[in-house]
Amino acid sequence: MLALIGILTIATLLFCIMSKRLSPIVSLIIIPILGAIVALYIVPVFQGSVEALPAYSTIPKMAVKGISKLAPMAAMFVFAIIFFGVVSDAGMFDPIIAKILKVVGTSPKKIIIGTGVLALIAHLDGNGAVTFLITVPAMIPLYDKLGIDKRILAGITALSAGVNFLPWTGPMIRAASALDVSTHELFTPLIPAQITGLAFMVFMGWYWGRKEEKRLGLVGGAGAGGIVGTGEKSEGVTHFKPKELSEEELKLRRPHLFWPNLILVIIVISLMVSTKIAPTIIFMVACCIALTLNYRKPADQSARINAHAKGALMMATILFAAGVFTGIMSESGMLKAMAVSTGEFVPDSLASHIPFIVSLIAMPLSLIFDPDSYYFGIMPVVANIGGFPPIQVAQASLLGQMTTGFPVSPLTPATFLLCSLSGVDLADHQKFSIPVLWAASIVMAIGAMLTGVFPL
């Protein structure tokens, strides 16, 4: 009975989120509470076990226990968003963008690979929308000038952002919170797999560029040149530069602090990978340093925090709501009961292969399940079937589910933003990019398997 109630609870959660009957936050809080009331109070009454009813405070205690486990993770995400937002406001990415534009010239191969590199850097904050807003406007003049297929602009940007999952990105944090493990435990073993994904991104940039050179009659990269201005010509060479900044953006820029900001970002990423210091503390301290370094006045610091507060608050509230869900589902025994029941239908010979199977289908699952539904509803049940460490399913999921999958999923607003900025129809973008993004997911899955993250 407990397993059945758990299944109905998760099914209701998925229905409400995917049909947009309720917001993810409301669904993650209210539905598990109602499920627990049915399981712990209503069913025992009908079964005549009134004397076994738990205290009225049992469900709130379960919820608080789940919230307390996710508090450090939510804090990390909030300060990570603010930190990367501050260094971006200060203009740390501006010289990098200008350098990329100068290096790529008018060679399609270099332009497409350069687009991927720029998206890779822009995606350091884990925000797909910001990545697309930085990358596409900076690179689209080149694609327009040379006539490069803009499906490639959307595709390489999506591919680069998709393989760049980091410990502070949404899918990673959701997976860690759903299984109550640290992001370090999830991410560190996946580094070799991610490197294979990045290598695949560069290969696809070269492949697409080579095809475009042939199509455009630029065999051997003919016509390559420096690109430093906007549509101007100098000695027969077309020059480009990043889009002009607004007056408000110019006031926020701190070009003289480029190197201190870059060094700070490198230190933060190095500390995150080293796992020697709690990631929450890393981003808290780094955020304070970035604010003090770039904006000395308290009023300016408050303004920068407020500018990025919306995105940070939204993710934090989702995580705390997820804490209620995971706490109740776990502490009530529903999750374990579902896993045991599901495990009875899985042959012992197949159980150890489940993580690898999940890694192969994780990317297309992004087209069906939004991240909250999958990571808090589906993944925990699969992870607890048995026959393998639960963390392996989380790691397998991260190789595609809303990582390589998010830039083509109709369930993510960033997908529509990418299509709009690139001038590509959603259907055309999906037809062009889905096979490549799925291939990237499979390549990373093979890399994870060969490095022992999970067995074949």
Protein backbone atom coordinates (compact mmCIF):
# COMPACT_ATOMS: atom_id res chain seq x y z
CA MET A 1 0.00 0.00 0.00
CA LEU A 2 2.84 2.38 0.88
CA ALA A 3 4.46 1.79 -2.52
CA LEU A 4 1.14 2.43 -4.29
CA ILE A 5 0.63 5.70 -2.44
CA GLY A 6 4.18 6.70 -3.32
CA ILE A 7 3.61 5.96 -7.00
CA LEU A 8 0.36 7.93 -6.99
CA THR A 9 2.09 10.82 -5.21
CA ILE A 10 4.86 10.98 -7.81
CA ALA A 11 2.42 10.52 -10.69
CA THR A 12 0.32 13.38 -9.36
CA LEU A 13 3.45 15.50 -8.96
CA LEU A 14 4.53 14.82 -12.55
CA PHE A 15 1.05 15.50 -13.90
CA CYS A 16 0.69 18.81 -12.06
CA ILE A 17 4.14 20.05 -13.11
CA MET A 18 4.07 18.88 -16.71
CA SER A 19 0.49 19.99 -17.35
CA LYS A 20 1.24 23.30 -15.61
CA ARG A 21 -1.73 22.82 -13.30
CA LEU A 22 0.55 23.88 -10.45
CA SER A 23 3.96 25.51 -10.28
CA PRO A 24 6.93 23.26 -9.38
CA ILE A 25 7.25 24.93 -5.98
CA VAL A 26 3.61 24.37 -5.02
CA SER A 27 3.67 20.82 -6.40
CA LEU A 28 6.85 19.86 -4.52
CA ILE A 29 5.45 21.09 -1.21
CA ILE A 30 1.73 20.35 -1.21
CA ILE A 31 1.53 17.01 -3.06
CA PRO A 32 3.99 15.03 -0.86
CA ILE A 33 2.32 16.44 2.25
CA LEU A 34 -1.05 15.19 1.01
CA GLY A 35 0.51 11.85 0.08
CA ALA A 36 2.00 11.49 3.55
CA ILE A 37 -1.33 12.36 5.19
CA VAL A 38 -3.00 9.60 3.20
CA ALA A 39 -0.24 7.07 3.94
CA LEU A 40 0.26 7.83 7.63
CA TYR A 41 -3.20 8.84 8.80
CA ILE A 42 -6.08 8.07 6.42
CA VAL A 43 -5.08 4.53 5.38
CA PRO A 44 -4.42 3.38 8.99
CA VAL A 45 -7.85 4.69 10.00
CA PHE A 46 -9.54 2.63 7.28
CA GLN A 47 -7.44 -0.37 8.29
CA GLY A 48 -8.53 0.02 11.91
CA SER A 49 -5.04 0.86 13.18
CA VAL A 50 -5.92 4.13 14.90
CA GLU A 51 -3.64 3.40 17.84
CA ALA A 52 -0.65 3.33 15.47
CA LEU A 53 -1.18 6.85 14.15
CA PRO A 54 1.99 8.99 14.44
CA ALA A 55 2.07 12.36 16.20
CA TYR A 56 0.69 15.35 14.28
CA SER A 57 4.19 16.84 14.08
CA THR A 58 5.64 13.86 12.19
CA ILE A 59 5.16 15.19 8.67
CA PRO A 60 6.52 18.69 9.46
CA LYS A 61 9.58 17.06 11.03
CA MET A 62 10.12 15.01 7.86
CA ALA A 63 9.88 18.16 5.76
CA VAL A 64 12.27 20.10 7.98
CA LYS A 65 14.77 17.24 7.87
CA GLY A 66 14.73 17.34 4.08
CA ILE A 67 15.07 21.13 4.03
CA SER A 68 18.01 21.08 6.44
CA LYS A 69 19.90 18.71 4.17
CA LEU A 70 19.49 21.03 1.20
CA ALA A 71 20.20 24.33 2.96
CA PRO A 72 23.96 24.37 2.20
CA MET A 73 23.30 23.50 -1.43
CA ALA A 74 20.71 26.24 -1.83
CA ALA A 75 23.13 28.73 -0.28
CA MET A 76 25.84 27.64 -2.70
CA PHE A 77 23.59 28.16 -5.70
CA VAL A 78 22.47 31.62 -4.55
CA PHE A 79 26.01 32.88 -4.06
CA ALA A 80 27.23 31.21 -7.29
CA ILE A 81 24.62 33.10 -9.32
CA ILE A 82 25.53 36.40 -7.68
CA PHE A 83 29.28 35.77 -8.03
CA PHE A 84 29.23 35.02 -11.75
CA GLY A 85 26.71 37.80 -12.29
CA VAL A 86 29.03 40.33 -10.62
CA VAL A 87 32.14 39.40 -12.61
CA SER A 88 30.04 39.44 -15.79
CA ASP A 89 28.67 42.89 -14.93
CA ALA A 90 32.23 44.05 -14.34
CA GLY A 91 33.09 43.06 -17.91
CA MET A 92 35.34 40.07 -17.32
CA PHE A 93 33.93 38.37 -20.41
CA ASP A 94 34.32 41.41 -22.71
CA PRO A 95 38.04 41.02 -23.55
CA ILE A 96 37.56 37.26 -23.93
CA ILE A 97 34.77 37.82 -26.45
CA ALA A 98 36.82 40.43 -28.32
CA LYS A 99 39.83 38.09 -28.44
CA ILE A 100 37.74 35.21 -29.76
CA LEU A 101 36.26 37.44 -32.46
CA LYS A 102 39.75 38.57 -33.45
CA VAL A 103 41.18 35.04 -33.59
CA VAL A 104 38.42 33.30 -35.53
CA GLY A 105 38.80 35.48 -38.63
CA THR A 106 36.44 34.56 -41.47
CA SER A 107 37.20 30.85 -41.52
CA PRO A 108 33.94 28.93 -40.88
CA LYS A 109 35.81 26.25 -38.92
CA LYS A 110 37.38 28.82 -36.61
CA ILE A 111 34.16 30.79 -36.30
CA ILE A 112 32.10 27.75 -35.31
CA ILE A 113 34.69 26.40 -32.87
CA GLY A 114 35.11 29.93 -31.50
CA THR A 115 31.37 30.09 -30.95
CA GLY A 116 31.58 26.88 -28.93
CA VAL A 117 34.48 28.20 -26.85
CA LEU A 118 32.65 31.45 -26.15
CA ALA A 119 29.49 29.57 -25.11
CA LEU A 120 31.64 27.33 -22.90
CA ILE A 121 33.02 30.35 -21.06
CA ALA A 122 29.67 32.13 -20.89
CA HIS A 123 28.07 29.04 -19.37
CA LEU A 124 30.31 29.13 -16.30
CA ASP A 125 27.39 30.46 -14.27
CA GLY A 126 25.20 27.54 -15.39
CA ASN A 127 22.52 29.86 -16.75
CA GLY A 128 21.46 28.85 -20.25
CA ALA A 129 19.64 32.10 -20.99
CA VAL A 130 22.69 34.21 -20.06
CA THR A 131 24.90 31.95 -22.18
CA PHE A 132 22.72 32.47 -25.23
CA LEU A 133 22.42 36.22 -24.65
CA ILE A 134 26.21 36.55 -24.51
CA THR A 135 27.14 34.17 -27.31
CA VAL A 136 24.61 34.58 -30.11
CA PRO A 137 24.55 38.41 -30.46
CA ALA A 138 28.36 38.45 -30.41
CA MET A 139 28.75 35.85 -33.15
CA ILE A 140 25.73 36.29 -35.42
CA PRO A 141 27.27 39.13 -37.50
CA LEU A 142 29.93 36.68 -38.66
CA TYR A 143 27.36 34.07 -39.65
CA ASP A 144 25.32 36.69 -41.50
CA LYS A 145 28.34 38.13 -43.31
CA LEU A 146 29.64 34.78 -44.56
CA GLY A 147 26.25 33.11 -45.01
CA ILE A 148 26.97 30.31 -42.54
CA ASP A 149 23.90 28.23 -41.72
CA LYS A 150 22.49 29.71 -38.52
CA ARG A 151 21.24 26.31 -37.44
CA ILE A 152 24.92 25.68 -36.79
CA LEU A 153 25.12 28.81 -34.61
CA ALA A 154 22.25 27.50 -32.49
CA GLY A 155 23.59 23.94 -32.60
CA ILE A 156 27.18 24.61 -31.52
CA THR A 157 25.99 27.02 -28.79
CA ALA A 158 23.55 24.39 -27.51
CA LEU A 159 26.18 21.64 -27.68
CA SER A 160 28.80 23.66 -25.81
CA ALA A 161 26.39 24.69 -23.07
CA GLY A 162 25.00 21.16 -22.87
CA VAL A 163 28.29 19.37 -22.20
CA ASN A 164 29.37 22.03 -19.70
CA PHE A 165 27.58 20.76 -16.60
CA LEU A 166 29.29 22.00 -13.44
CA PRO A 167 28.81 21.43 -9.68
CA TRP A 168 26.73 24.58 -9.29
CA THR A 169 24.41 24.06 -12.27
CA GLY A 170 20.74 23.23 -11.86
CA PRO A 171 20.73 19.53 -12.91
CA MET A 172 23.78 18.77 -10.76
CA ILE A 173 22.25 20.41 -7.70
CA ARG A 174 18.89 18.72 -8.24
CA ALA A 175 20.52 15.30 -8.62
CA ALA A 176 22.66 15.79 -5.51
CA SER A 177 19.74 17.02 -3.42
CA ALA A 178 17.43 14.21 -4.57
CA LEU A 179 19.89 11.54 -3.39
CA ASP A 180 21.37 13.52 -0.48
CA VAL A 181 24.94 13.40 -1.80
CA SER A 182 27.43 16.21 -2.40
CA THR A 183 27.93 17.75 -5.81
CA HIS A 184 31.61 16.86 -5.47
CA GLU A 185 30.78 13.17 -5.24
CA LEU A 186 28.71 13.46 -8.40
CA PHE A 187 30.93 15.72 -10.46
CA THR A 188 34.52 14.65 -9.86
CA PRO A 189 34.20 11.14 -11.38
CA LEU A 190 32.45 12.69 -14.38
CA ILE A 191 35.32 15.03 -15.31
CA PRO A 192 36.85 12.58 -17.85
CA ALA A 193 33.42 12.05 -19.41
CA GLN A 194 32.92 15.80 -19.64
CA ILE A 195 36.31 16.17 -21.32
CA THR A 196 35.18 13.68 -23.97
CA GLY A 197 32.04 15.77 -24.43
CA LEU A 198 34.09 18.95 -24.89
CA ALA A 199 36.33 17.15 -27.40
CA PHE A 200 33.20 16.07 -29.26
CA MET A 201 32.03 19.70 -29.33
CA VAL A 202 35.32 20.80 -30.92
CA PHE A 203 35.11 17.94 -33.43
CA MET A 204 31.57 18.92 -34.42
CA GLY A 205 32.69 22.54 -34.81
CA TRP A 206 35.45 21.40 -37.15
CA TYR A 207 33.09 19.08 -39.04
CA TRP A 208 30.37 21.69 -39.50
CA GLY A 209 32.99 24.29 -40.45
CA ARG A 210 34.51 22.02 -43.06
CA LYS A 211 31.08 21.37 -44.60
CA GLU A 212 30.31 25.09 -44.68
CA GLU A 213 33.65 25.91 -46.29
CA LYS A 214 32.84 23.50 -49.11
CA ARG A 215 29.28 24.79 -49.45
CA LEU A 216 30.41 28.42 -49.51
CA GLY A 217 33.37 27.80 -51.81
CA LEU A 218 35.91 28.69 -49.13
CA VAL A 219 38.03 25.56 -49.51
CA GLY A 220 41.03 25.70 -47.21
CA GLY A 221 39.50 28.56 -45.24
CA ALA A 222 40.05 31.13 -48.00
CA GLY A 223 39.12 34.63 -47.04
CA ALA A 224 40.18 34.34 -43.41
CA GLY A 225 41.01 37.58 -41.76
CA GLY A 226 41.13 39.49 -38.50
CA ILE A 227 37.86 40.63 -36.99
CA VAL A 228 37.98 43.63 -34.68
CA GLY A 229 35.32 46.10 -35.84
CA THR A 230 31.60 46.13 -36.74
CA GLY A 231 30.97 45.75 -40.46
CA GLU A 232 33.87 48.08 -41.35
CA LYS A 233 36.54 47.31 -43.93
CA SER A 234 40.27 47.86 -43.65
CA GLU A 235 42.61 46.83 -46.50
CA GLY A 236 39.96 44.51 -47.94
CA VAL A 237 39.34 42.67 -44.65
CA THR A 238 35.96 42.75 -42.92
CA HIS A 239 36.13 43.60 -39.23
CA PHE A 240 33.66 42.95 -36.44
CA LYS A 241 33.36 43.74 -32.78
CA PRO A 242 30.94 42.74 -30.03
CA LYS A 243 27.65 44.61 -29.84
CA GLU A 244 27.75 48.06 -28.28
CA LEU A 245 27.00 48.29 -24.56
CA SER A 246 24.24 50.44 -23.15
CA GLU A 247 25.08 53.42 -20.97
CA GLU A 248 24.01 51.49 -17.87
CA GLU A 249 26.22 48.53 -18.80
CA LEU A 250 29.19 50.82 -19.39
CA LYS A 251 28.83 52.28 -15.90
CA LEU A 252 29.13 48.79 -14.43
CA ARG A 253 32.22 47.80 -16.42
CA ARG A 254 35.58 47.60 -14.65
CA PRO A 255 38.04 46.87 -17.51
CA HIS A 256 41.08 47.63 -15.31
CA LEU A 257 40.07 44.74 -13.05
CA PHE A 258 39.94 42.09 -15.77
CA TRP A 259 42.94 40.12 -14.51
CA PRO A 260 41.97 40.18 -10.81
CA ASN A 261 38.47 38.98 -11.75
CA LEU A 262 39.82 36.27 -14.05
CA ILE A 263 42.26 35.05 -11.40
CA LEU A 264 39.42 34.99 -8.87
CA VAL A 265 37.27 32.84 -11.20
CA ILE A 266 40.15 30.44 -11.84
CA ILE A 267 40.77 30.08 -8.09
CA VAL A 268 37.08 29.42 -7.43
CA ILE A 269 36.85 26.74 -10.10
CA SER A 270 40.12 25.14 -8.91
CA LEU A 271 38.87 25.00 -5.32
CA MET A 272 35.57 23.52 -6.45
CA VAL A 273 37.36 20.74 -8.30
CA SER A 274 39.83 20.09 -5.48
CA THR A 275 36.95 19.45 -3.00
CA LYS A 276 39.14 20.61 -0.09
CA ILE A 277 36.74 23.36 0.99
CA ALA A 278 32.95 23.27 1.23
CA PRO A 279 31.55 24.77 -2.01
CA THR A 280 29.08 26.93 -0.10
CA ILE A 281 31.93 28.69 1.71
CA ILE A 282 33.91 29.02 -1.54
CA PHE A 283 31.14 30.94 -3.27
CA MET A 284 30.23 32.98 -0.20
CA VAL A 285 33.79 34.25 0.18
CA ALA A 286 34.29 34.65 -3.57
CA CYS A 287 31.07 36.64 -3.83
CA CYS A 288 32.20 39.00 -1.08
CA ILE A 289 35.59 39.46 -2.76
CA ALA A 290 34.04 40.09 -6.18
CA LEU A 291 31.60 42.66 -4.79
CA THR A 292 34.28 44.48 -2.79
CA LEU A 293 36.80 44.34 -5.64
CA ASN A 294 34.51 45.72 -8.33
CA TYR A 295 32.01 47.87 -6.47
CA ARG A 296 33.38 49.57 -3.37
CA LYS A 297 30.24 51.48 -2.33
CA PRO A 298 27.72 49.48 -0.26
CA ALA A 299 24.89 50.93 -2.35
CA ASP A 300 26.50 49.62 -5.55
CA GLN A 301 27.02 46.22 -3.97
CA SER A 302 23.37 46.06 -2.95
CA ALA A 303 22.33 47.05 -6.46
CA ARG A 304 24.36 44.18 -7.97
CA ILE A 305 22.87 41.70 -5.51
CA ASN A 306 19.36 42.93 -6.29
CA ALA A 307 20.04 42.68 -10.03
CA HIS A 308 20.69 38.94 -9.73
CA ALA A 309 18.36 38.20 -6.83
CA LYS A 310 15.43 37.03 -8.96
CA GLY A 311 17.23 34.06 -10.51
CA ALA A 312 18.93 33.17 -7.24
CA LEU A 313 15.71 33.33 -5.23
CA MET A 314 13.77 31.23 -7.73
CA MET A 315 16.29 28.39 -7.67
CA ALA A 316 16.64 28.57 -3.87
CA THR A 317 12.87 28.30 -3.37
CA ILE A 318 12.70 25.30 -5.74
CA LEU A 319 15.49 23.60 -3.81
CA PHE A 320 13.84 24.18 -0.45
CA ALA A 321 10.55 22.92 -1.88
CA ALA A 322 12.44 19.89 -3.17
CA GLY A 323 13.74 19.41 0.37
CA VAL A 324 10.16 19.05 1.57
CA PHE A 325 9.47 16.50 -1.16
CA THR A 326 12.59 14.39 -0.68
CA GLY A 327 12.36 14.57 3.11
CA ILE A 328 8.77 13.35 3.22
CA MET A 329 9.17 10.71 0.51
CA SER A 330 12.30 9.32 2.14
CA GLU A 331 11.38 9.55 5.84
CA SER A 332 7.86 8.20 5.30
CA GLY A 333 9.26 5.06 3.67
CA MET A 334 7.39 5.60 0.39
CA LEU A 335 10.58 5.89 -1.66
CA LYS A 336 12.02 2.67 -0.25
CA ALA A 337 8.75 0.82 -0.73
CA MET A 338 8.55 1.88 -4.38
CA ALA A 339 12.15 0.88 -5.02
CA VAL A 340 11.60 -2.55 -3.45
CA SER A 341 8.43 -3.12 -5.48
CA THR A 342 10.09 -1.96 -8.70
CA GLY A 343 13.14 -4.10 -8.02
CA GLU A 344 10.99 -7.22 -7.92
CA PHE A 345 10.20 -6.75 -11.62
CA VAL A 346 13.83 -6.15 -12.68
CA PRO A 347 15.84 -9.31 -13.39
CA ASP A 348 19.00 -9.58 -11.33
CA SER A 349 21.03 -9.92 -14.53
CA LEU A 350 19.75 -6.55 -15.76
CA ALA A 351 19.99 -4.51 -12.57
CA SER A 352 23.70 -3.67 -12.82
CA HIS A 353 23.20 -2.34 -16.37
CA ILE A 354 20.51 0.20 -15.40
CA PRO A 355 22.90 3.18 -14.95
CA PHE A 356 24.37 2.69 -18.44
CA ILE A 357 20.87 2.30 -19.92
CA VAL A 358 19.82 5.52 -18.19
CA SER A 359 22.87 7.31 -19.63
CA LEU A 360 21.81 6.35 -23.15
CA ILE A 361 18.23 7.61 -22.82
CA ALA A 362 18.84 10.55 -20.47
CA MET A 363 19.03 13.17 -23.23
CA PRO A 364 15.68 12.37 -24.97
CA LEU A 365 14.04 12.22 -21.54
CA SER A 366 14.60 15.99 -21.47
CA LEU A 367 11.92 16.28 -24.13
CA ILE A 368 9.41 14.55 -21.85
CA PHE A 369 10.31 15.53 -18.30
CA ASP A 370 11.32 18.93 -16.96
CA PRO A 371 14.25 18.86 -14.51
CA ASP A 372 12.12 19.00 -11.36
CA SER A 373 9.87 16.15 -12.49
CA TYR A 374 12.78 13.95 -13.48
CA TYR A 375 15.33 14.56 -10.75
CA PHE A 376 12.85 14.67 -7.87
CA GLY A 377 10.23 12.27 -9.21
CA ILE A 378 11.72 9.67 -11.55
CA MET A 379 15.41 9.42 -10.72
CA PRO A 380 15.15 8.60 -6.99
CA VAL A 381 12.89 5.63 -7.70
CA VAL A 382 15.23 4.23 -10.37
CA ALA A 383 18.28 4.92 -8.20
CA ASN A 384 16.91 2.88 -5.32
CA ILE A 385 15.98 -0.26 -7.27
CA GLY A 386 19.13 -2.00 -6.02
CA GLY A 387 21.97 -3.94 -7.59
CA PHE A 388 24.11 -0.82 -8.02
CA PRO A 389 25.08 2.32 -6.04
CA PRO A 390 22.25 4.92 -6.34
CA ILE A 391 24.77 7.65 -7.21
CA GLN A 392 25.48 5.91 -10.52
CA VAL A 393 21.96 6.66 -11.78
CA ALA A 394 22.40 10.32 -10.88
CA GLN A 395 25.71 10.45 -12.73
CA ALA A 396 24.20 8.67 -15.73
CA SER A 397 21.29 11.11 -15.74
CA LEU A 398 23.62 14.11 -15.72
CA LEU A 399 25.11 13.03 -19.03
CA GLY A 400 21.94 14.07 -20.83
CA GLN A 401 18.86 14.89 -18.78
CA MET A 402 18.56 18.69 -19.01
CA THR A 403 22.30 19.00 -19.69
CA THR A 404 22.72 18.19 -23.37
CA GLY A 405 18.94 18.04 -23.49
CA PHE A 406 17.96 21.45 -22.15
CA PRO A 407 18.81 23.58 -25.25
CA VAL A 408 16.32 21.65 -27.42
CA SER A 409 13.64 20.86 -24.86
CA PRO A 410 10.32 22.66 -25.30
CA LEU A 411 10.04 22.54 -21.51
CA THR A 412 12.81 25.13 -21.03
CA PRO A 413 12.29 28.82 -21.94
CA ALA A 414 15.99 29.11 -22.84
CA THR A 415 15.36 26.93 -25.91
CA PHE A 416 12.97 29.50 -27.34
CA LEU A 417 15.39 32.31 -26.50
CA LEU A 418 18.17 30.52 -28.41
CA CYS A 419 15.95 30.04 -31.44
CA SER A 420 14.77 33.65 -31.34
CA LEU A 421 18.28 35.10 -31.06
CA SER A 422 19.60 32.83 -33.83
CA GLY A 423 16.65 33.39 -36.13
CA VAL A 424 16.04 29.64 -36.39
CA ASP A 425 12.65 27.95 -36.22
CA LEU A 426 12.22 25.64 -33.23
CA ALA A 427 11.41 22.62 -35.40
CA ASP A 428 14.47 23.24 -37.58
CA HIS A 429 16.65 23.65 -34.50
CA GLN A 430 15.39 20.42 -32.98
CA LYS A 431 15.78 18.41 -36.20
CA PHE A 432 19.32 19.71 -36.65
CA SER A 433 20.56 19.63 -33.04
CA ILE A 434 18.82 16.69 -31.32
CA PRO A 435 20.85 13.96 -33.11
CA VAL A 436 24.11 15.76 -32.31
CA LEU A 437 23.23 16.44 -28.69
CA TRP A 438 22.13 12.84 -28.23
CA ALA A 439 25.39 11.69 -29.81
CA ALA A 440 27.30 13.89 -27.34
CA SER A 441 25.40 12.26 -24.48
CA ILE A 442 26.28 8.79 -25.77
CA VAL A 443 29.94 9.74 -26.24
CA MET A 444 30.09 10.94 -22.64
CA ALA A 445 28.31 7.77 -21.49
CA ILE A 446 30.97 5.67 -23.16
CA GLY A 447 33.64 7.85 -21.57
CA ALA A 448 32.05 7.37 -18.15
CA MET A 449 31.84 3.63 -18.68
CA LEU A 450 35.49 3.36 -19.76
CA THR A 451 36.64 5.36 -16.74
CA GLY A 452 34.66 3.18 -14.32
CA VAL A 453 31.92 5.61 -13.30
CA PHE A 454 29.40 2.84 -13.96
CA PRO A 455 29.65 -0.56 -15.67
CA LEU A 456 28.30 -1.56 -19.06
